[in-house]
Protein backbone atom coordinates (compact mmCIF):
# COMPACT_ATOMS: atom_id res chain seq x y z
CA MET A 1 -4.17 12.54 -17.72
CA PRO A 2 -2.71 12.85 -14.23
CA ASN A 3 -2.56 9.83 -11.98
CA VAL A 4 -4.93 10.18 -9.07
CA ILE A 5 -3.73 8.39 -5.95
CA TYR A 6 -6.41 7.94 -3.34
CA ASP A 7 -4.65 6.42 -0.38
CA LEU A 8 -1.66 4.53 0.92
CA LEU A 9 -1.67 1.78 3.54
CA ILE A 10 1.34 0.06 5.07
CA TYR A 11 0.89 -3.11 7.10
CA ARG A 12 3.13 -5.06 9.42
CA ARG A 13 3.56 -8.81 8.84
CA ASP A 14 0.82 -9.61 11.38
CA GLY A 15 -1.74 -7.43 9.56
CA THR A 16 -1.52 -4.39 11.81
CA CYS A 17 -1.89 -1.20 9.79
CA LEU A 18 1.07 1.06 10.57
CA TYR A 19 0.22 3.86 8.16
CA ASN A 20 -3.03 4.95 6.53
CA ARG A 21 -3.07 8.19 4.61
CA THR A 22 -5.87 9.42 2.35
CA PHE A 23 -4.73 11.82 -0.37
CA THR A 24 -7.94 12.13 -2.40
CA SER A 25 -11.27 10.70 -1.37
CA ALA A 26 -12.58 8.26 -3.99
CA VAL A 27 -15.99 7.67 -2.46
CA PRO A 28 -17.66 8.58 0.80
CA PRO A 29 -16.50 6.13 3.49
CA THR A 30 -19.05 3.42 4.26
CA VAL A 31 -17.05 1.84 7.08
CA GLU A 32 -14.78 3.17 9.80
CA LYS A 33 -11.09 3.65 9.02
CA GLU A 34 -9.95 0.76 11.24
CA GLU A 35 -12.56 -1.59 9.78
CA ARG A 36 -11.49 -0.68 6.24
CA GLU A 37 -7.85 -1.37 7.13
CA LYS A 38 -8.82 -4.85 8.33
CA LEU A 39 -10.99 -5.52 5.27
CA VAL A 40 -8.26 -4.51 2.81
CA TYR A 41 -5.63 -6.63 4.55
CA GLY A 42 -8.02 -9.57 4.86
CA MET A 43 -8.82 -9.41 1.16
CA LEU A 44 -5.13 -9.32 0.21
CA PHE A 45 -4.31 -12.16 2.60
CA SER A 46 -7.13 -14.31 1.23
CA LEU A 47 -6.15 -13.68 -2.39
CA LYS A 48 -2.50 -14.47 -1.69
CA GLU A 49 -3.57 -17.75 -0.07
CA LEU A 50 -5.82 -18.57 -3.04
CA LEU A 51 -3.30 -17.81 -5.81
CA PRO A 52 -1.16 -20.97 -5.48
CA SER A 53 -4.22 -23.18 -5.93
CA LEU A 54 -5.10 -21.32 -9.15
CA SER A 55 -1.59 -21.50 -10.61
CA PRO A 56 -1.07 -23.95 -13.48
CA THR A 57 2.43 -24.73 -12.19
CA SER A 58 3.72 -25.30 -8.71
CA THR A 59 7.35 -24.31 -9.39
CA ALA A 60 6.96 -20.55 -9.10
CA PRO A 61 4.08 -19.38 -6.95
CA PRO A 62 2.29 -16.38 -8.46
CA THR A 63 2.50 -12.98 -6.83
CA LEU A 64 -0.31 -10.51 -6.38
CA LYS A 65 0.67 -7.12 -7.81
CA SER A 66 -2.63 -5.39 -8.42
CA ILE A 67 -6.36 -5.76 -8.20
CA ASN A 68 -8.28 -3.90 -10.87
CA LEU A 69 -11.74 -2.85 -9.75
CA PRO A 70 -12.71 -0.27 -12.40
CA PRO A 71 -12.44 2.62 -12.08
CA LEU A 72 -9.98 1.95 -9.24
CA THR A 73 -6.92 -0.25 -8.83
CA LEU A 74 -5.11 -1.50 -5.73
CA TYR A 75 -1.36 -1.90 -6.31
CA THR A 76 0.43 -3.96 -3.71
CA THR A 77 3.78 -5.37 -2.81
CA THR A 78 5.24 -7.17 0.17
CA SER A 79 8.79 -6.25 1.12
CA PRO A 80 11.47 -8.80 2.04
CA THR A 81 11.06 -7.64 5.64
CA GLY A 82 7.33 -8.41 5.65
CA TYR A 83 5.74 -4.98 5.20
CA THR A 84 2.77 -4.93 2.83
CA ILE A 85 2.32 -1.67 0.93
CA VAL A 86 -1.01 -0.91 -0.73
CA LEU A 87 -1.52 2.02 -3.07
CA HIS A 88 -5.09 2.76 -4.14
CA ALA A 89 -5.19 4.70 -7.42
CA ALA A 90 -7.38 5.53 -10.40
CA ALA A 91 -7.22 2.81 -13.04
CA ALA A 92 -7.79 5.13 -15.98
CA GLY A 93 -4.62 6.49 -17.56
CA SER A 94 -2.36 4.55 -15.20
CA SER A 95 -1.11 1.91 -17.64
CA HIS A 96 1.93 3.99 -18.61
CA CYS A 97 3.22 4.12 -15.03
CA ASP A 98 5.68 1.73 -13.50
CA TRP A 99 3.73 0.97 -10.35
CA ASP A 100 6.32 -1.53 -9.13
CA GLU A 101 8.90 1.25 -9.18
CA ARG A 102 6.54 3.56 -7.31
CA LEU A 103 5.94 0.94 -4.63
CA ARG A 104 9.73 0.46 -4.35
CA LYS A 105 10.11 4.22 -3.86
CA ILE A 106 7.53 4.17 -1.06
CA TYR A 107 9.38 1.28 0.60
CA GLU A 108 12.68 3.15 0.20
CA VAL A 109 11.25 6.24 1.94
CA TRP A 110 9.63 4.00 4.61
CA THR A 111 12.95 2.27 5.30
CA GLU A 112 14.93 5.51 5.41
CA LYS A 113 12.53 7.65 7.44
CA VAL A 114 10.83 5.08 9.68
CA VAL A 115 12.57 1.72 9.98
CA MET A 116 16.09 3.16 10.28
CA CYS A 117 14.92 5.81 12.76
CA GLY A 118 16.03 4.93 16.28
CA MET A 119 13.00 6.66 17.77
CA TRP A 120 10.45 4.40 16.05
CA ASP A 121 8.95 1.48 17.93
CA PRO A 122 7.73 -1.17 15.46
CA ASN A 123 5.53 -2.74 18.15
CA LYS A 124 3.68 0.50 18.92
CA GLU A 125 0.00 0.20 18.08
CA GLY A 126 -0.86 2.20 14.97
CA GLY A 127 2.76 2.76 14.01
CA GLY A 128 2.84 6.39 15.17
CA VAL A 129 4.21 7.74 11.88
CA GLU A 130 1.54 10.35 11.15
CA ASP A 131 2.81 13.94 11.22
CA THR A 132 6.44 12.84 10.92
CA GLU A 133 9.20 13.37 8.41
CA PHE A 134 8.06 10.19 6.64
CA ASP A 135 4.53 11.54 6.32
CA ARG A 136 5.75 14.83 4.85
CA GLU A 137 8.17 13.10 2.48
CA ILE A 138 5.64 10.55 1.23
CA CYS A 139 3.07 13.30 0.64
CA ASN A 140 5.61 15.14 -1.52
CA VAL A 141 6.41 11.96 -3.46
CA ILE A 142 2.74 11.13 -4.05
CA ARG A 143 1.91 14.69 -5.13
CA SER A 144 4.80 14.65 -7.62
CA TRP A 145 3.30 11.52 -9.24
CA GLU A 146 -0.09 13.16 -9.66
CA LYS A 147 1.29 15.88 -11.93
């Protein structure tokens, strides 16, 4: 069964969504795009804050890698530079995938095509990376995973 990837969101450390791309619509939107971006980041932030209090040990704080909400799953990672990447995919048939590796690939493309680009302003509202080389490259990468 192919892996269906619904959307990709990339956030700056302060919670500003720099990239939001829908590949396949999972459900009809019930809230505006900007409101959804805030809700997703707020949920991730709250869960990350809650995890240490749920951990049985205090030596190694737990990390949030995915949230399974059948039939959908949110896969997430935070880069060393503070970017939070969220990949929203179908839960069914996705257990054989290395989602950590896929998130690393997205970060690699992000770093190469956006962060290292001298024309990109990280403080620009909205990120301004739609319809760019990054957007085209990430679409190709995502489509290759769906096969």
